[in-house]
Amino acid sequence: MKAIVLLNDKLTVQNIEKPTAAAAGHLILKMNSSAINSGDKFFLKHPTPPGTVKSLYDVKGVSGVGEVLQVGEGVPNEYKGKNVTFYRQLQFSESVVGSWSEYAHVHFLDCAVLPESVDPEDYSGSMVNIITPYAFLKQIIAEGHKGIISTAGNSATGIALLGFCLTYNFPLISIVRNEDGRKELEKLGAKNIVVQRDANFNQQLTETALALSATAIFDGVGGQTLSTILPLIPRSSVIYSYGYIGDSDPFTFHTSTLAVKNITIKPFANTSTETVKDPEKLEKALKDIGELIHMPHFKTKIGKKFRLEEIDEALKYIGNNGKKPVLYHG
């Protein structure tokens, strides 16, 4: 089969061995499509963290959607013959084959079953953006927080977080850059939106955060945005650092701010949460996601479509409003 592999530090399309027998707990998928997420680009340029799931033959791609052709021993019946969206980093496997290929081999606990009523390609890059806010919400509720401030705004992860907060009736404040971002989130049901370019941004964020006791900050940006909101968030807030797209601007603050307001900053990764580390909780999470995934909050924003052979052009593509390049495998 054709697959994109890393060979001598260069991505290239190679003919490699096709998976023909699903290992226990695994699925063989005929790939439909794979969106290229920011994490894919980041880890092509940076060393992968310890414990990262490695792909056989060094086939790249961690997200995608495909049709289940074969299931291994121990896989629940509901996966047979279905389309699934997946993120191959959720369950460790020594036999995983990545998503930038014609056929993938992944653990079933990397996958959520899609309803027959949806278009599979709408979920070509969704899973990482769905499992992250789901696991985050479960964690911060367990830690006693009553509300969230999200700097992820109208990004894919920010919109998915909105979907879960609406479903579970959990207070969320979404920070967006401009009025277009506000309008997009309003159409999706958001109630508490603050626009960075508004003259009253500081006052609005401060007052809304206090009113909603929003002490869990989901930071999907970093940089200047985080510097701006740090003095505005409630006392005893915890900043969960997830995204770094604002790293071109440094995150700066007076250390007294942390001490006086009792602010904590710590990293957040879905793979470090109890939701993902506990197989029983992960299986429940995937079932919960499968029941909600028809909501518009969980679709991939598709930009331009590319063939596997066009991987270099795909990686250069930057879509408007979070639209992603998508690799097609037919």
C-alpha atoms as a PDB file:
ATOM      1  CA  MET A   1       0.000   0.000   0.000  1.00  0.00           C
ATOM      2  CA  LYS A   2       0.994   3.659  -0.319  1.00  0.00           C
ATOM      3  CA  ALA A   3       1.953   5.527   2.838  1.00  0.00           C
ATOM      4  CA  ILE A   4       3.770   8.694   3.856  1.00  0.00           C
ATOM      5  CA  VAL A   5       6.903   7.824   5.811  1.00  0.00           C
ATOM      6  CA  LEU A   6       9.804   9.797   7.220  1.00  0.00           C
ATOM      7  CA  LEU A   7      12.940   8.733   5.354  1.00  0.00           C
ATOM      8  CA  ASN A   8      16.256  10.511   5.992  1.00  0.00           C
ATOM      9  CA  ASP A   9      14.370  13.395   7.616  1.00  0.00           C
ATOM     10  CA  LYS A  10      12.182  13.836   4.525  1.00  0.00           C
ATOM     11  CA  LEU A  11       8.551  12.890   4.069  1.00  0.00           C
ATOM     12  CA  THR A  12       8.042  10.645   1.078  1.00  0.00           C
ATOM     13  CA  VAL A  13       5.379   8.311  -0.316  1.00  0.00           C
ATOM     14  CA  GLN A  14       6.530   4.693  -0.146  1.00  0.00           C
ATOM     15  CA  ASN A  15       5.037   1.284  -0.920  1.00  0.00           C
ATOM     16  CA  ILE A  16       4.981  -0.640   2.355  1.00  0.00           C
ATOM     17  CA  GLU A  17       3.426  -3.824   3.676  1.00  0.00           C
ATOM     18  CA  LYS A  18      -0.346  -3.603   4.074  1.00  0.00           C
ATOM     19  CA  PRO A  19      -1.813  -4.761   7.428  1.00  0.00           C
ATOM     20  CA  THR A  20      -3.707  -7.997   6.762  1.00  0.00           C
ATOM     21  CA  ALA A  21      -4.485  -9.436  10.199  1.00  0.00           C
ATOM     22  CA  ALA A  22      -5.890  -7.311  13.015  1.00  0.00           C
ATOM     23  CA  ALA A  23      -4.065  -7.844  16.316  1.00  0.00           C
ATOM     24  CA  ALA A  24      -6.066  -8.450  19.479  1.00  0.00           C
ATOM     25  CA  GLY A  25      -7.945  -5.290  20.426  1.00  0.00           C
ATOM     26  CA  HIS A  26      -7.139  -3.664  17.072  1.00  0.00           C
ATOM     27  CA  LEU A  27      -8.898  -2.614  13.876  1.00  0.00           C
ATOM     28  CA  ILE A  28      -7.776  -2.579  10.266  1.00  0.00           C
ATOM     29  CA  LEU A  29      -9.189   0.507   8.561  1.00  0.00           C
ATOM     30  CA  LYS A  30      -9.581   1.438   4.909  1.00  0.00           C
ATOM     31  CA  MET A  31      -8.674   5.079   5.237  1.00  0.00           C
ATOM     32  CA  ASN A  32     -11.051   7.732   3.973  1.00  0.00           C
ATOM     33  CA  SER A  33      -9.151  10.889   4.879  1.00  0.00           C
ATOM     34  CA  SER A  34      -6.775  12.448   7.394  1.00  0.00           C
ATOM     35  CA  ALA A  35      -6.766  16.096   8.395  1.00  0.00           C
ATOM     36  CA  ILE A  36      -3.369  17.555   9.198  1.00  0.00           C
ATOM     37  CA  ASN A  37      -3.580  19.053  12.680  1.00  0.00           C
ATOM     38  CA  SER A  38      -1.198  21.551  14.267  1.00  0.00           C
ATOM     39  CA  GLY A  39       0.238  18.736  16.392  1.00  0.00           C
ATOM     40  CA  ASP A  40       1.266  16.834  13.254  1.00  0.00           C
ATOM     41  CA  LYS A  41       3.231  19.848  12.055  1.00  0.00           C
ATOM     42  CA  PHE A  42       4.727  20.532  15.481  1.00  0.00           C
ATOM     43  CA  PHE A  43       6.117  17.038  15.995  1.00  0.00           C
ATOM     44  CA  LEU A  44       7.577  16.862  12.500  1.00  0.00           C
ATOM     45  CA  LYS A  45       9.880  19.668  13.627  1.00  0.00           C
ATOM     46  CA  HIS A  46      10.366  18.711  17.288  1.00  0.00           C
ATOM     47  CA  PRO A  47      11.330  15.496  19.077  1.00  0.00           C
ATOM     48  CA  THR A  48       8.295  13.464  20.109  1.00  0.00           C
ATOM     49  CA  PRO A  49       7.698  13.265  23.875  1.00  0.00           C
ATOM     50  CA  PRO A  50       8.667  10.103  25.803  1.00  0.00           C
ATOM     51  CA  GLY A  51       5.928   7.487  25.635  1.00  0.00           C
ATOM     52  CA  THR A  52       4.605   8.698  22.288  1.00  0.00           C
ATOM     53  CA  VAL A  53       3.059   5.882  20.257  1.00  0.00           C
ATOM     54  CA  LYS A  54       5.371   4.938  17.390  1.00  0.00           C
ATOM     55  CA  SER A  55       4.024   3.840  14.019  1.00  0.00           C
ATOM     56  CA  LEU A  56       5.310   0.776  12.162  1.00  0.00           C
ATOM     57  CA  TYR A  57       7.494   1.717   9.187  1.00  0.00           C
ATOM     58  CA  ASP A  58       7.443   5.255  10.618  1.00  0.00           C
ATOM     59  CA  VAL A  59       4.151   5.984   8.843  1.00  0.00           C
ATOM     60  CA  LYS A  60       3.106   9.492   9.842  1.00  0.00           C
ATOM     61  CA  GLY A  61      -0.305  10.861  10.791  1.00  0.00           C
ATOM     62  CA  VAL A  62      -2.109  10.431  14.093  1.00  0.00           C
ATOM     63  CA  SER A  63      -5.690  11.391  13.176  1.00  0.00           C
ATOM     64  CA  GLY A  64      -8.152  10.262  10.559  1.00  0.00           C
ATOM     65  CA  VAL A  65     -11.366   8.535   9.633  1.00  0.00           C
ATOM     66  CA  GLY A  66     -11.850   5.169   7.984  1.00  0.00           C
ATOM     67  CA  GLU A  67     -14.022   2.123   7.498  1.00  0.00           C
ATOM     68  CA  VAL A  68     -13.431  -0.902   9.731  1.00  0.00           C
ATOM     69  CA  LEU A  69     -12.510  -3.853   7.490  1.00  0.00           C
ATOM     70  CA  GLN A  70     -11.388  -6.265  10.175  1.00  0.00           C
ATOM     71  CA  VAL A  71     -11.490  -6.474  13.985  1.00  0.00           C
ATOM     72  CA  GLY A  72      -9.140  -8.318  16.282  1.00  0.00           C
ATOM     73  CA  GLU A  73      -9.976 -10.515  19.230  1.00  0.00           C
ATOM     74  CA  GLY A  74     -11.696  -8.661  22.069  1.00  0.00           C
ATOM     75  CA  VAL A  75     -13.033  -5.761  19.987  1.00  0.00           C
ATOM     76  CA  PRO A  76     -16.702  -4.949  20.783  1.00  0.00           C
ATOM     77  CA  ASN A  77     -19.195  -5.886  18.071  1.00  0.00           C
ATOM     78  CA  GLU A  78     -20.342  -2.294  17.543  1.00  0.00           C
ATOM     79  CA  TYR A  79     -17.099  -1.510  15.673  1.00  0.00           C
ATOM     80  CA  LYS A  80     -17.594  -4.116  12.936  1.00  0.00           C
ATOM     81  CA  GLY A  81     -18.122  -2.605   9.491  1.00  0.00           C
ATOM     82  CA  LYS A  82     -18.523   0.941  10.850  1.00  0.00           C
ATOM     83  CA  ASN A  83     -16.803   4.200  10.065  1.00  0.00           C
ATOM     84  CA  VAL A  84     -14.681   5.464  12.935  1.00  0.00           C
ATOM     85  CA  THR A  85     -12.787   8.644  13.715  1.00  0.00           C
ATOM     86  CA  PHE A  86      -9.554   8.096  15.614  1.00  0.00           C
ATOM     87  CA  TYR A  87      -6.498   9.541  17.317  1.00  0.00           C
ATOM     88  CA  ARG A  88      -3.811   6.879  17.564  1.00  0.00           C
ATOM     89  CA  GLN A  89      -2.079   8.313  20.640  1.00  0.00           C
ATOM     90  CA  LEU A  90      -4.748   7.281  23.144  1.00  0.00           C
ATOM     91  CA  GLN A  91      -3.792   3.636  23.619  1.00  0.00           C
ATOM     92  CA  PHE A  92      -0.232   2.313  23.491  1.00  0.00           C
ATOM     93  CA  SER A  93       0.365  -0.251  20.763  1.00  0.00           C
ATOM     94  CA  GLU A  94       3.511  -1.730  19.230  1.00  0.00           C
ATOM     95  CA  SER A  95       1.684  -2.584  15.997  1.00  0.00           C
ATOM     96  CA  VAL A  96      -0.026   0.688  15.119  1.00  0.00           C
ATOM     97  CA  VAL A  97       0.159   1.914  11.515  1.00  0.00           C
ATOM     98  CA  GLY A  98      -0.366   5.670  11.151  1.00  0.00           C
ATOM     99  CA  SER A  99      -3.153   7.479   9.333  1.00  0.00           C
ATOM    100  CA  TRP A 100      -1.221   8.914   6.369  1.00  0.00           C
ATOM    101  CA  SER A 101      -1.644   5.637   4.518  1.00  0.00           C
ATOM    102  CA  GLU A 102      -4.196   3.705   2.484  1.00  0.00           C
ATOM    103  CA  TYR A 103      -4.846   1.327   5.389  1.00  0.00           C
ATOM    104  CA  ALA A 104      -4.316   1.924   9.104  1.00  0.00           C
ATOM    105  CA  HIS A 105      -4.001  -0.432  12.068  1.00  0.00           C
ATOM    106  CA  VAL A 106      -5.066   1.060  15.403  1.00  0.00           C
ATOM    107  CA  HIS A 107      -6.385   0.010  18.797  1.00  0.00           C
ATOM    108  CA  PHE A 108     -10.152   0.222  19.140  1.00  0.00           C
ATOM    109  CA  LEU A 109      -9.681   2.479  22.194  1.00  0.00           C
ATOM    110  CA  ASP A 110      -8.302   5.100  19.796  1.00  0.00           C
ATOM    111  CA  CYS A 111     -11.627   5.204  17.951  1.00  0.00           C
ATOM    112  CA  ALA A 112     -15.171   6.513  18.230  1.00  0.00           C
ATOM    113  CA  VAL A 113     -17.889   4.936  16.086  1.00  0.00           C
ATOM    114  CA  LEU A 114     -19.617   7.380  13.745  1.00  0.00           C
ATOM    115  CA  PRO A 115     -23.392   7.365  13.229  1.00  0.00           C
ATOM    116  CA  GLU A 116     -24.495   6.220   9.778  1.00  0.00           C
ATOM    117  CA  SER A 117     -26.234   9.569   9.287  1.00  0.00           C
ATOM    118  CA  VAL A 118     -23.002  11.619   9.112  1.00  0.00           C
ATOM    119  CA  ASP A 119     -20.449  12.173   6.353  1.00  0.00           C
ATOM    120  CA  PRO A 120     -17.234  10.433   7.494  1.00  0.00           C
ATOM    121  CA  GLU A 121     -14.895  13.024   6.002  1.00  0.00           C
ATOM    122  CA  ASP A 122     -16.374  15.644   8.361  1.00  0.00           C
ATOM    123  CA  TYR A 123     -14.458  13.842  11.130  1.00  0.00           C
ATOM    124  CA  SER A 124     -11.105  13.409   9.390  1.00  0.00           C
ATOM    125  CA  GLY A 125      -9.257  15.322  12.108  1.00  0.00           C
ATOM    126  CA  SER A 126     -11.763  15.532  14.929  1.00  0.00           C
ATOM    127  CA  MET A 127     -10.775  12.981  17.527  1.00  0.00           C
ATOM    128  CA  VAL A 128      -7.853  14.816  19.156  1.00  0.00           C
ATOM    129  CA  ASN A 129      -9.979  17.974  19.314  1.00  0.00           C
ATOM    130  CA  ILE A 130     -12.824  16.030  20.945  1.00  0.00           C
ATOM    131  CA  ILE A 131     -11.053  13.840  23.498  1.00  0.00           C
ATOM    132  CA  THR A 132      -8.984  16.773  24.804  1.00  0.00           C
ATOM    133  CA  PRO A 133     -11.880  18.955  26.065  1.00  0.00           C
ATOM    134  CA  TYR A 134     -13.834  15.888  27.217  1.00  0.00           C
ATOM    135  CA  ALA A 135     -10.900  14.754  29.393  1.00  0.00           C
ATOM    136  CA  PHE A 136     -10.264  18.341  30.515  1.00  0.00           C
ATOM    137  CA  LEU A 137     -13.854  18.833  31.655  1.00  0.00           C
ATOM    138  CA  LYS A 138     -13.822  15.571  33.601  1.00  0.00           C
ATOM    139  CA  GLN A 139     -10.547  16.532  35.295  1.00  0.00           C
ATOM    140  CA  ILE A 140     -11.450  20.060  36.343  1.00  0.00           C
ATOM    141  CA  ILE A 141     -14.829  18.983  37.700  1.00  0.00           C
ATOM    142  CA  ALA A 142     -13.036  16.378  39.823  1.00  0.00           C
ATOM    143  CA  GLU A 143     -10.655  19.103  41.017  1.00  0.00           C
ATOM    144  CA  GLY A 144     -13.559  21.250  42.193  1.00  0.00           C
ATOM    145  CA  HIS A 145     -13.716  24.015  39.572  1.00  0.00           C
ATOM    146  CA  LYS A 146     -17.087  25.604  38.803  1.00  0.00           C
ATOM    147  CA  GLY A 147     -16.384  27.365  35.486  1.00  0.00           C
ATOM    148  CA  ILE A 148     -13.918  27.591  32.604  1.00  0.00           C
ATOM    149  CA  ILE A 149     -12.174  30.399  30.731  1.00  0.00           C
ATOM    150  CA  SER A 150     -11.042  29.188  27.304  1.00  0.00           C
ATOM    151  CA  THR A 151      -8.426  31.006  25.255  1.00  0.00           C
ATOM    152  CA  ALA A 152      -9.023  28.407  22.522  1.00  0.00           C
ATOM    153  CA  GLY A 153     -12.037  30.473  21.437  1.00  0.00           C
ATOM    154  CA  ASN A 154     -13.412  29.358  18.076  1.00  0.00           C
ATOM    155  CA  SER A 155     -10.611  26.915  17.298  1.00  0.00           C
ATOM    156  CA  ALA A 156     -11.612  23.278  16.729  1.00  0.00           C
ATOM    157  CA  THR A 157     -10.752  22.397  20.326  1.00  0.00           C
ATOM    158  CA  GLY A 158     -12.488  25.498  21.675  1.00  0.00           C
ATOM    159  CA  ILE A 159     -15.664  24.704  19.753  1.00  0.00           C
ATOM    160  CA  ALA A 160     -15.617  21.087  20.930  1.00  0.00           C
ATOM    161  CA  LEU A 161     -15.212  22.341  24.520  1.00  0.00           C
ATOM    162  CA  LEU A 162     -18.267  24.531  23.965  1.00  0.00           C
ATOM    163  CA  GLY A 163     -20.224  21.491  22.778  1.00  0.00           C
ATOM    164  CA  PHE A 164     -19.430  19.542  25.935  1.00  0.00           C
ATOM    165  CA  CYS A 165     -20.109  22.494  28.239  1.00  0.00           C
ATOM    166  CA  LEU A 166     -23.515  23.014  26.625  1.00  0.00           C
ATOM    167  CA  THR A 167     -24.293  19.307  26.904  1.00  0.00           C
ATOM    168  CA  TYR A 168     -23.321  19.101  30.572  1.00  0.00           C
ATOM    169  CA  ASN A 169     -24.541  22.608  31.486  1.00  0.00           C
ATOM    170  CA  PHE A 170     -21.100  23.730  32.682  1.00  0.00           C
ATOM    171  CA  PRO A 171     -20.246  27.481  32.629  1.00  0.00           C
ATOM    172  CA  LEU A 172     -17.763  28.488  29.911  1.00  0.00           C
ATOM    173  CA  ILE A 173     -16.271  31.834  28.927  1.00  0.00           C
ATOM    174  CA  SER A 174     -14.825  31.812  25.403  1.00  0.00           C
ATOM    175  CA  ILE A 175     -12.174  34.362  24.413  1.00  0.00           C
ATOM    176  CA  VAL A 176     -12.128  35.202  20.693  1.00  0.00           C
ATOM    177  CA  ARG A 177     -10.036  37.624  18.672  1.00  0.00           C
ATOM    178  CA  ASN A 178     -12.737  39.469  16.761  1.00  0.00           C
ATOM    179  CA  GLU A 179     -16.428  39.835  15.964  1.00  0.00           C
ATOM    180  CA  ASP A 180     -16.331  37.041  13.391  1.00  0.00           C
ATOM    181  CA  GLY A 181     -15.277  34.670  16.157  1.00  0.00           C
ATOM    182  CA  ARG A 182     -18.107  35.925  18.360  1.00  0.00           C
ATOM    183  CA  LYS A 183     -20.679  35.373  15.597  1.00  0.00           C
ATOM    184  CA  GLU A 184     -19.458  31.845  14.932  1.00  0.00           C
ATOM    185  CA  LEU A 185     -19.720  30.848  18.588  1.00  0.00           C
ATOM    186  CA  GLU A 186     -23.099  32.540  19.036  1.00  0.00           C
ATOM    187  CA  LYS A 187     -24.500  30.403  16.190  1.00  0.00           C
ATOM    188  CA  LEU A 188     -23.251  27.346  18.089  1.00  0.00           C
ATOM    189  CA  GLY A 189     -25.034  28.349  21.290  1.00  0.00           C
ATOM    190  CA  ALA A 190     -22.296  30.137  23.274  1.00  0.00           C
ATOM    191  CA  LYS A 191     -23.571  32.550  25.941  1.00  0.00           C
ATOM    192  CA  ASN A 192     -20.405  34.044  27.430  1.00  0.00           C
ATOM    193  CA  ILE A 193     -18.047  35.408  24.786  1.00  0.00           C
ATOM    194  CA  VAL A 194     -15.428  38.123  25.252  1.00  0.00           C
ATOM    195  CA  VAL A 195     -13.672  39.731  22.283  1.00  0.00           C
ATOM    196  CA  GLN A 196     -10.031  40.683  22.689  1.00  0.00           C
ATOM    197  CA  ARG A 197     -10.375  43.723  20.434  1.00  0.00           C
ATOM    198  CA  ASP A 198     -13.269  45.196  22.430  1.00  0.00           C
ATOM    199  CA  ALA A 199     -12.442  48.312  24.422  1.00  0.00           C
ATOM    200  CA  ASN A 200     -14.172  46.773  27.459  1.00  0.00           C
ATOM    201  CA  PHE A 201     -12.422  43.406  27.209  1.00  0.00           C
ATOM    202  CA  ASN A 202     -10.634  43.631  30.579  1.00  0.00           C
ATOM    203  CA  GLN A 203     -13.753  44.637  32.492  1.00  0.00           C
ATOM    204  CA  GLN A 204     -15.971  42.085  30.739  1.00  0.00           C
ATOM    205  CA  LEU A 205     -13.605  39.188  31.369  1.00  0.00           C
ATOM    206  CA  THR A 206     -12.987  40.144  35.007  1.00  0.00           C
ATOM    207  CA  GLU A 207     -16.672  40.556  35.857  1.00  0.00           C
ATOM    208  CA  THR A 208     -17.882  37.471  33.968  1.00  0.00           C
ATOM    209  CA  ALA A 209     -15.166  35.263  35.430  1.00  0.00           C
ATOM    210  CA  LEU A 210     -16.043  36.342  38.969  1.00  0.00           C
ATOM    211  CA  ALA A 211     -19.776  35.897  38.380  1.00  0.00           C
ATOM    212  CA  LEU A 212     -19.283  32.350  37.046  1.00  0.00           C
ATOM    213  CA  SER A 213     -16.460  31.365  39.425  1.00  0.00           C
ATOM    214  CA  ALA A 214     -14.408  30.482  36.341  1.00  0.00           C
ATOM    215  CA  THR A 215     -11.125  29.414  37.909  1.00  0.00           C
ATOM    216  CA  ALA A 216     -10.083  26.755  35.356  1.00  0.00           C
ATOM    217  CA  ILE A 217      -8.301  28.356  32.409  1.00  0.00           C
ATOM    218  CA  PHE A 218      -7.978  26.160  29.330  1.00  0.00           C
ATOM    219  CA  ASP A 219      -5.109  27.831  27.480  1.00  0.00           C
ATOM    220  CA  GLY A 220      -4.806  26.791  23.875  1.00  0.00           C
ATOM    221  CA  VAL A 221      -2.694  29.775  22.812  1.00  0.00           C
ATOM    222  CA  GLY A 222      -0.020  30.885  25.283  1.00  0.00           C
ATOM    223  CA  GLY A 223       2.064  33.970  24.494  1.00  0.00           C
ATOM    224  CA  GLN A 224       0.564  37.439  24.604  1.00  0.00           C
ATOM    225  CA  THR A 225      -3.021  36.282  25.161  1.00  0.00           C
ATOM    226  CA  LEU A 226      -2.042  34.526  28.365  1.00  0.00           C
ATOM    227  CA  SER A 227      -0.010  37.555  29.472  1.00  0.00           C
ATOM    228  CA  THR A 228      -3.081  39.747  28.966  1.00  0.00           C
ATOM    229  CA  ILE A 229      -5.570  37.667  30.912  1.00  0.00           C
ATOM    230  CA  LEU A 230      -3.304  36.695  33.823  1.00  0.00           C
ATOM    231  CA  PRO A 231      -4.104  39.829  35.899  1.00  0.00           C
ATOM    232  CA  LEU A 232      -7.826  39.494  35.076  1.00  0.00           C
ATOM    233  CA  ILE A 233      -8.625  35.942  36.163  1.00  0.00           C
ATOM    234  CA  PRO A 234     -10.048  35.153  39.612  1.00  0.00           C
ATOM    235  CA  ARG A 235      -7.920  34.425  42.644  1.00  0.00           C
ATOM    236  CA  SER A 236      -6.856  30.768  43.043  1.00  0.00           C
ATOM    237  CA  SER A 237      -7.259  30.069  39.353  1.00  0.00           C
ATOM    238  CA  VAL A 238      -5.356  27.263  37.645  1.00  0.00           C
ATOM    239  CA  ILE A 239      -4.003  27.752  34.132  1.00  0.00           C
ATOM    240  CA  TYR A 240      -3.849  24.487  32.169  1.00  0.00           C
ATOM    241  CA  SER A 241      -1.339  24.998  29.370  1.00  0.00           C
ATOM    242  CA  TYR A 242      -2.306  22.987  26.286  1.00  0.00           C
ATOM    243  CA  GLY A 243      -1.537  24.946  23.089  1.00  0.00           C
ATOM    244  CA  TYR A 244       1.411  27.049  21.985  1.00  0.00           C
ATOM    245  CA  ILE A 245       0.365  28.781  18.766  1.00  0.00           C
ATOM    246  CA  GLY A 246       1.165  32.140  20.362  1.00  0.00           C
ATOM    247  CA  ASP A 247       4.744  31.209  21.209  1.00  0.00           C
ATOM    248  CA  SER A 248       6.161  33.806  18.808  1.00  0.00           C
ATOM    249  CA  ASP A 249       5.237  36.312  21.534  1.00  0.00           C
ATOM    250  CA  PRO A 250       6.643  35.479  24.972  1.00  0.00           C
ATOM    251  CA  PHE A 251       4.442  34.913  27.993  1.00  0.00           C
ATOM    252  CA  THR A 252       5.520  37.558  30.508  1.00  0.00           C
ATOM    253  CA  PHE A 253       4.272  38.439  33.966  1.00  0.00           C
ATOM    254  CA  HIS A 254       5.284  39.819  37.354  1.00  0.00           C
ATOM    255  CA  THR A 255       5.954  36.931  39.721  1.00  0.00           C
ATOM    256  CA  SER A 256       4.044  38.808  42.426  1.00  0.00           C
ATOM    257  CA  THR A 257       0.878  38.227  40.396  1.00  0.00           C
ATOM    258  CA  LEU A 258       1.181  34.499  40.959  1.00  0.00           C
ATOM    259  CA  ALA A 259       1.818  34.898  44.657  1.00  0.00           C
ATOM    260  CA  VAL A 260      -0.781  37.567  45.444  1.00  0.00           C
ATOM    261  CA  LYS A 261      -3.547  35.892  43.426  1.00  0.00           C
ATOM    262  CA  ASN A 262      -2.450  32.339  44.208  1.00  0.00           C
ATOM    263  CA  ILE A 263      -2.323  31.427  40.510  1.00  0.00           C
ATOM    264  CA  THR A 264      -1.044  27.997  39.433  1.00  0.00           C
ATOM    265  CA  ILE A 265       0.253  27.175  35.949  1.00  0.00           C
ATOM    266  CA  LYS A 266       0.615  23.567  34.870  1.00  0.00           C
ATOM    267  CA  PRO A 267       0.749  21.599  31.625  1.00  0.00           C
ATOM    268  CA  PHE A 268      -2.244  19.736  30.294  1.00  0.00           C
ATOM    269  CA  ALA A 269      -2.166  16.751  27.952  1.00  0.00           C
ATOM    270  CA  ASN A 270      -5.082  14.430  27.246  1.00  0.00           C
ATOM    271  CA  THR A 271      -2.792  11.391  27.499  1.00  0.00           C
ATOM    272  CA  SER A 272      -1.974  12.313  31.116  1.00  0.00           C
ATOM    273  CA  THR A 273      -5.598  12.401  32.297  1.00  0.00           C
ATOM    274  CA  GLU A 274      -7.437   9.663  34.134  1.00  0.00           C
ATOM    275  CA  THR A 275      -9.929   9.580  31.263  1.00  0.00           C
ATOM    276  CA  VAL A 276      -7.243   8.356  28.861  1.00  0.00           C
ATOM    277  CA  LYS A 277      -4.986   6.424  31.241  1.00  0.00           C
ATOM    278  CA  ASP A 278      -7.805   4.245  32.609  1.00  0.00           C
ATOM    279  CA  PRO A 279      -9.034   1.876  29.835  1.00  0.00           C
ATOM    280  CA  GLU A 280     -12.514   1.579  31.354  1.00  0.00           C
ATOM    281  CA  LYS A 281     -12.910   5.354  31.546  1.00  0.00           C
ATOM    282  CA  LEU A 282     -11.531   5.724  28.028  1.00  0.00           C
ATOM    283  CA  GLU A 283     -14.005   3.194  26.651  1.00  0.00           C
ATOM    284  CA  LYS A 284     -16.864   5.076  28.347  1.00  0.00           C
ATOM    285  CA  ALA A 285     -15.535   8.379  26.986  1.00  0.00           C
ATOM    286  CA  LEU A 286     -15.510   7.008  23.435  1.00  0.00           C
ATOM    287  CA  LYS A 287     -19.091   5.793  23.807  1.00  0.00           C
ATOM    288  CA  ASP A 288     -20.170   9.178  25.198  1.00  0.00           C
ATOM    289  CA  ILE A 289     -18.450  10.901  22.278  1.00  0.00           C
ATOM    290  CA  GLY A 290     -20.130   8.586  19.788  1.00  0.00           C
ATOM    291  CA  GLU A 291     -23.536   9.623  21.149  1.00  0.00           C
ATOM    292  CA  LEU A 292     -22.754  13.353  20.833  1.00  0.00           C
ATOM    293  CA  ILE A 293     -20.565  13.475  17.741  1.00  0.00           C
ATOM    294  CA  HIS A 294     -23.445  14.349  15.426  1.00  0.00           C
ATOM    295  CA  MET A 295     -23.463  17.837  16.991  1.00  0.00           C
ATOM    296  CA  PRO A 296     -21.898  20.537  14.751  1.00  0.00           C
ATOM    297  CA  HIS A 297     -19.321  21.313  17.448  1.00  0.00           C
ATOM    298  CA  PHE A 298     -17.339  18.173  16.658  1.00  0.00           C
ATOM    299  CA  LYS A 299     -16.830  18.424  12.908  1.00  0.00           C
ATOM    300  CA  THR A 300     -13.444  19.011  11.277  1.00  0.00           C
ATOM    301  CA  LYS A 301     -13.111  22.345   9.495  1.00  0.00           C
ATOM    302  CA  ILE A 302     -12.045  21.145   6.056  1.00  0.00           C
ATOM    303  CA  GLY A 303      -9.950  23.425   3.891  1.00  0.00           C
ATOM    304  CA  LYS A 304      -8.115  22.208   0.801  1.00  0.00           C
ATOM    305  CA  LYS A 305      -7.921  18.526  -0.180  1.00  0.00           C
ATOM    306  CA  PHE A 306      -4.635  16.857  -1.150  1.00  0.00           C
ATOM    307  CA  ARG A 307      -3.426  13.471  -2.390  1.00  0.00           C
ATOM    308  CA  LEU A 308      -0.762  11.593  -0.411  1.00  0.00           C
ATOM    309  CA  GLU A 309       1.800  12.576  -3.057  1.00  0.00           C
ATOM    310  CA  GLU A 310       1.078  16.243  -2.334  1.00  0.00           C
ATOM    311  CA  ILE A 311       2.137  16.102   1.318  1.00  0.00           C
ATOM    312  CA  ASP A 312       4.667  18.950   1.001  1.00  0.00           C
ATOM    313  CA  GLU A 313       2.023  21.292  -0.412  1.00  0.00           C
ATOM    314  CA  ALA A 314      -0.470  20.128   2.221  1.00  0.00           C
ATOM    315  CA  LEU A 315       1.889  21.009   5.054  1.00  0.00           C
ATOM    316  CA  LYS A 316       2.329  24.536   3.672  1.00  0.00           C
ATOM    317  CA  TYR A 317      -1.404  25.148   3.436  1.00  0.00           C
ATOM    318  CA  ILE A 318      -2.894  27.601   5.957  1.00  0.00           C
ATOM    319  CA  GLY A 319      -6.669  27.826   5.867  1.00  0.00           C
ATOM    320  CA  ASN A 320      -8.888  30.651   7.023  1.00  0.00           C
ATOM    321  CA  ASN A 321     -10.763  30.351  10.326  1.00  0.00           C
ATOM    322  CA  GLY A 322      -9.042  27.126  11.373  1.00  0.00           C
ATOM    323  CA  LYS A 323      -9.705  25.181   8.173  1.00  0.00           C
ATOM    324  CA  LYS A 324      -7.293  22.274   7.799  1.00  0.00           C
ATOM    325  CA  PRO A 325      -5.542  20.573   4.903  1.00  0.00           C
ATOM    326  CA  VAL A 326      -6.918  17.074   4.407  1.00  0.00           C
ATOM    327  CA  LEU A 327      -5.181  14.079   2.843  1.00  0.00           C
ATOM    328  CA  TYR A 328      -7.386  11.755   0.812  1.00  0.00           C
ATOM    329  CA  HIS A 329      -6.426   8.153   0.300  1.00  0.00           C
ATOM    330  CA  GLY A 330      -8.426   6.943  -2.693  1.00  0.00           C
END
